[in-house]
Amino acid sequence: MFVILVYDFGQKRVGKALKICRKYLHWVQNSVFEGEISRANFVKLKKELEKLLDAEEDSIIIYTFRSQKYSKREIMGREKGNVDFMI
């Protein structure tokens, strides 16, 4: 499946969230990740983030798609993340 993940973590946890997400997805820009991921790794990713999450302060939004084939990506301004994997 193809996933776009956006998070907003407190300052004390944001570095750990970044590290977790980079294990499974490609960094696009601040607090935004995307990429193909297996169902098993998707479950692992969510469990790791859930352990870190403070439900009173933090938030995570995950968009899932069956594949990247039907999505369109448009960049305006400076591209921050490395998207070589998409070409």
N, C-alpha and C. Protein backbone atom coordinates (compact mmCIF):
# COMPACT_ATOMS: atom_id res chain seq x y z
N MET A 1 0.84 -1.18 0.00
CA MET A 1 0.00 0.00 0.00
C MET A 1 0.88 1.24 0.00
N PHE A 2 0.33 2.36 -0.44
CA PHE A 2 1.04 3.63 -0.43
C PHE A 2 0.48 4.47 0.71
N VAL A 3 1.37 5.09 1.48
CA VAL A 3 0.98 5.82 2.68
C VAL A 3 1.56 7.23 2.66
N ILE A 4 0.75 8.18 3.08
CA ILE A 4 1.23 9.53 3.40
C ILE A 4 0.95 9.73 4.88
N LEU A 5 1.97 10.06 5.64
CA LEU A 5 1.85 10.23 7.08
C LEU A 5 2.30 11.64 7.46
N VAL A 6 1.47 12.29 8.27
CA VAL A 6 1.77 13.64 8.76
C VAL A 6 1.63 13.60 10.27
N TYR A 7 2.60 14.16 10.97
CA TYR A 7 2.50 14.16 12.43
C TYR A 7 2.82 15.53 13.01
N ASP A 8 2.36 15.72 14.24
CA ASP A 8 2.67 16.91 15.03
C ASP A 8 2.91 16.43 16.45
N PHE A 9 4.18 16.30 16.82
CA PHE A 9 4.56 15.81 18.15
C PHE A 9 5.15 16.95 18.96
N GLY A 10 5.06 16.83 20.26
CA GLY A 10 5.68 17.79 21.16
C GLY A 10 7.19 17.78 20.97
N GLN A 11 7.83 18.85 21.35
CA GLN A 11 9.27 19.05 21.13
C GLN A 11 10.12 17.91 21.69
N LYS A 12 9.72 17.36 22.83
CA LYS A 12 10.51 16.29 23.45
C LYS A 12 10.42 14.98 22.69
N ARG A 13 9.36 14.77 21.91
CA ARG A 13 9.14 13.50 21.23
C ARG A 13 9.34 13.57 19.71
N VAL A 14 9.46 14.76 19.16
CA VAL A 14 9.49 14.91 17.70
C VAL A 14 10.70 14.19 17.07
N GLY A 15 11.84 14.23 17.72
CA GLY A 15 13.03 13.55 17.20
C GLY A 15 12.85 12.04 17.13
N LYS A 16 12.22 11.49 18.15
CA LYS A 16 11.95 10.05 18.17
C LYS A 16 10.94 9.67 17.09
N ALA A 17 9.94 10.51 16.90
CA ALA A 17 8.94 10.24 15.86
C ALA A 17 9.59 10.25 14.47
N LEU A 18 10.48 11.20 14.25
CA LEU A 18 11.22 11.28 12.99
C LEU A 18 12.00 9.99 12.75
N LYS A 19 12.69 9.54 13.76
CA LYS A 19 13.51 8.33 13.65
C LYS A 19 12.65 7.11 13.32
N ILE A 20 11.51 6.98 13.97
CA ILE A 20 10.60 5.86 13.72
C ILE A 20 10.10 5.89 12.28
N CYS A 21 9.62 7.04 11.85
CA CYS A 21 9.05 7.16 10.50
C CYS A 21 10.09 6.90 9.42
N ARG A 22 11.31 7.34 9.63
CA ARG A 22 12.37 7.12 8.64
C ARG A 22 12.71 5.65 8.46
N LYS A 23 12.42 4.81 9.44
CA LYS A 23 12.66 3.38 9.30
C LYS A 23 11.73 2.76 8.26
N TYR A 24 10.56 3.35 8.07
CA TYR A 24 9.53 2.73 7.24
C TYR A 24 9.16 3.52 5.98
N LEU A 25 9.32 4.84 6.01
CA LEU A 25 8.85 5.70 4.92
C LEU A 25 9.93 6.69 4.51
N HIS A 26 9.69 7.41 3.43
CA HIS A 26 10.62 8.41 2.92
C HIS A 26 10.20 9.79 3.41
N TRP A 27 11.17 10.53 3.92
CA TRP A 27 10.92 11.88 4.40
C TRP A 27 10.67 12.80 3.21
N VAL A 28 9.59 13.58 3.26
CA VAL A 28 9.23 14.50 2.20
C VAL A 28 9.53 15.93 2.62
N GLN A 29 9.05 16.32 3.77
CA GLN A 29 9.39 17.61 4.36
C GLN A 29 9.03 17.55 5.84
N ASN A 30 9.23 18.65 6.54
CA ASN A 30 9.03 18.63 8.00
C ASN A 30 7.74 17.91 8.39
N SER A 31 7.89 16.83 9.14
CA SER A 31 6.78 16.05 9.69
C SER A 31 5.89 15.39 8.64
N VAL A 32 6.39 15.21 7.42
CA VAL A 32 5.62 14.56 6.35
C VAL A 32 6.46 13.44 5.74
N PHE A 33 5.85 12.26 5.64
CA PHE A 33 6.50 11.09 5.08
C PHE A 33 5.56 10.42 4.10
N GLU A 34 6.14 9.66 3.14
CA GLU A 34 5.32 8.91 2.20
C GLU A 34 6.11 7.71 1.71
N GLY A 35 5.39 6.74 1.15
CA GLY A 35 6.07 5.60 0.55
C GLY A 35 5.22 4.35 0.55
N GLU A 36 5.71 3.38 -0.20
CA GLU A 36 5.10 2.05 -0.23
C GLU A 36 5.51 1.33 1.04
N ILE A 37 4.57 0.60 1.62
CA ILE A 37 4.85 -0.12 2.86
C ILE A 37 3.98 -1.38 2.90
N SER A 38 4.53 -2.45 3.42
CA SER A 38 3.75 -3.69 3.56
C SER A 38 2.77 -3.54 4.71
N ARG A 39 1.76 -4.36 4.72
CA ARG A 39 0.77 -4.32 5.82
C ARG A 39 1.45 -4.60 7.16
N ALA A 40 2.36 -5.56 7.18
CA ALA A 40 3.05 -5.90 8.43
C ALA A 40 3.87 -4.72 8.95
N ASN A 41 4.61 -4.06 8.07
CA ASN A 41 5.39 -2.90 8.50
C ASN A 41 4.50 -1.71 8.86
N PHE A 42 3.36 -1.60 8.20
CA PHE A 42 2.41 -0.54 8.54
C PHE A 42 1.91 -0.72 9.98
N VAL A 43 1.62 -1.95 10.35
CA VAL A 43 1.19 -2.25 11.72
C VAL A 43 2.30 -1.92 12.71
N LYS A 44 3.54 -2.32 12.38
CA LYS A 44 4.68 -2.02 13.25
C LYS A 44 4.87 -0.51 13.42
N LEU A 45 4.79 0.22 12.32
CA LEU A 45 4.94 1.68 12.35
C LEU A 45 3.91 2.31 13.28
N LYS A 46 2.66 1.91 13.11
CA LYS A 46 1.59 2.49 13.94
C LYS A 46 1.78 2.14 15.42
N LYS A 47 2.20 0.92 15.72
CA LYS A 47 2.42 0.53 17.12
C LYS A 47 3.56 1.33 17.75
N GLU A 48 4.64 1.52 17.00
CA GLU A 48 5.77 2.30 17.54
C GLU A 48 5.37 3.75 17.79
N LEU A 49 4.63 4.33 16.86
CA LEU A 49 4.19 5.71 17.04
C LEU A 49 3.17 5.83 18.16
N GLU A 50 2.31 4.83 18.29
CA GLU A 50 1.30 4.86 19.34
C GLU A 50 1.94 4.84 20.73
N LYS A 51 3.03 4.10 20.89
CA LYS A 51 3.75 4.07 22.17
C LYS A 51 4.33 5.43 22.52
N LEU A 52 4.75 6.16 21.50
CA LEU A 52 5.37 7.47 21.70
C LEU A 52 4.34 8.59 21.88
N LEU A 53 3.18 8.41 21.30
CA LEU A 53 2.14 9.44 21.23
C LEU A 53 1.59 9.85 22.60
N ASP A 54 1.51 11.13 22.83
CA ASP A 54 0.79 11.69 23.97
C ASP A 54 -0.52 12.22 23.40
N ALA A 55 -1.61 11.51 23.63
CA ALA A 55 -2.90 11.82 23.01
C ALA A 55 -3.42 13.21 23.37
N GLU A 56 -2.91 13.79 24.43
CA GLU A 56 -3.33 15.13 24.84
C GLU A 56 -2.62 16.22 24.04
N GLU A 57 -1.44 15.92 23.51
CA GLU A 57 -0.62 16.93 22.83
C GLU A 57 -0.34 16.65 21.37
N ASP A 58 -0.20 15.39 21.00
CA ASP A 58 0.30 15.01 19.69
C ASP A 58 -0.82 14.56 18.76
N SER A 59 -0.52 14.58 17.46
CA SER A 59 -1.48 14.05 16.48
C SER A 59 -0.74 13.43 15.31
N ILE A 60 -1.38 12.45 14.71
CA ILE A 60 -0.87 11.76 13.53
C ILE A 60 -2.03 11.62 12.56
N ILE A 61 -1.79 11.94 11.30
CA ILE A 61 -2.78 11.72 10.25
C ILE A 61 -2.13 10.81 9.23
N ILE A 62 -2.82 9.72 8.88
CA ILE A 62 -2.30 8.75 7.91
C ILE A 62 -3.31 8.59 6.79
N TYR A 63 -2.84 8.81 5.57
CA TYR A 63 -3.66 8.57 4.38
C TYR A 63 -3.14 7.29 3.74
N THR A 64 -4.02 6.35 3.45
CA THR A 64 -3.60 5.10 2.81
C THR A 64 -4.27 4.96 1.46
N PHE A 65 -3.51 4.42 0.52
CA PHE A 65 -3.98 4.19 -0.84
C PHE A 65 -3.59 2.77 -1.23
N ARG A 66 -4.36 2.18 -2.09
CA ARG A 66 -4.00 0.83 -2.55
C ARG A 66 -2.66 0.83 -3.26
N SER A 67 -2.40 1.88 -4.03
CA SER A 67 -1.10 2.02 -4.69
C SER A 67 -0.87 3.48 -5.02
N GLN A 68 0.34 3.78 -5.38
CA GLN A 68 0.70 5.14 -5.76
C GLN A 68 0.24 5.44 -7.18
N LYS A 69 -0.13 4.41 -7.91
CA LYS A 69 -0.47 4.52 -9.33
C LYS A 69 -1.54 5.57 -9.61
N TYR A 70 -2.51 5.70 -8.73
CA TYR A 70 -3.63 6.62 -8.98
C TYR A 70 -3.49 7.95 -8.26
N SER A 71 -2.31 8.23 -7.76
CA SER A 71 -2.11 9.51 -7.07
C SER A 71 -1.29 10.44 -7.95
N LYS A 72 -1.42 11.71 -7.70
CA LYS A 72 -0.65 12.71 -8.42
C LYS A 72 0.06 13.56 -7.38
N ARG A 73 1.31 13.86 -7.62
CA ARG A 73 2.10 14.63 -6.68
C ARG A 73 2.58 15.90 -7.37
N GLU A 74 2.28 17.02 -6.77
CA GLU A 74 2.68 18.31 -7.32
C GLU A 74 3.46 19.07 -6.26
N ILE A 75 4.60 19.60 -6.63
CA ILE A 75 5.44 20.34 -5.69
C ILE A 75 5.48 21.80 -6.14
N MET A 76 5.23 22.67 -5.19
CA MET A 76 5.34 24.11 -5.45
C MET A 76 6.40 24.64 -4.49
N GLY A 77 7.35 25.40 -4.99
CA GLY A 77 8.41 25.89 -4.13
C GLY A 77 9.54 24.88 -4.02
N ARG A 78 10.34 25.05 -3.02
CA ARG A 78 11.53 24.22 -2.82
C ARG A 78 11.17 22.81 -2.37
N GLU A 79 11.75 21.85 -3.03
CA GLU A 79 11.55 20.45 -2.65
C GLU A 79 12.52 20.13 -1.52
N LYS A 80 12.01 19.62 -0.41
CA LYS A 80 12.85 19.38 0.76
C LYS A 80 13.35 17.95 0.85
N GLY A 81 12.51 16.98 0.64
CA GLY A 81 12.89 15.58 0.79
C GLY A 81 13.45 15.03 -0.50
N ASN A 82 14.11 13.90 -0.41
CA ASN A 82 14.65 13.21 -1.58
C ASN A 82 13.57 12.30 -2.14
N VAL A 83 13.17 12.52 -3.38
CA VAL A 83 12.09 11.72 -3.96
C VAL A 83 12.59 10.86 -5.11
N ASP A 84 13.86 10.52 -5.12
CA ASP A 84 14.42 9.68 -6.17
C ASP A 84 13.68 8.34 -6.28
N PHE A 85 13.15 7.85 -5.17
CA PHE A 85 12.47 6.57 -5.17
C PHE A 85 11.20 6.60 -6.04
N MET A 86 10.66 7.76 -6.32
CA MET A 86 9.41 7.88 -7.07
C MET A 86 9.63 7.88 -8.57
N ILE A 87 10.85 8.08 -9.03
CA ILE A 87 11.11 8.21 -10.47
C ILE A 87 11.30 6.85 -11.09
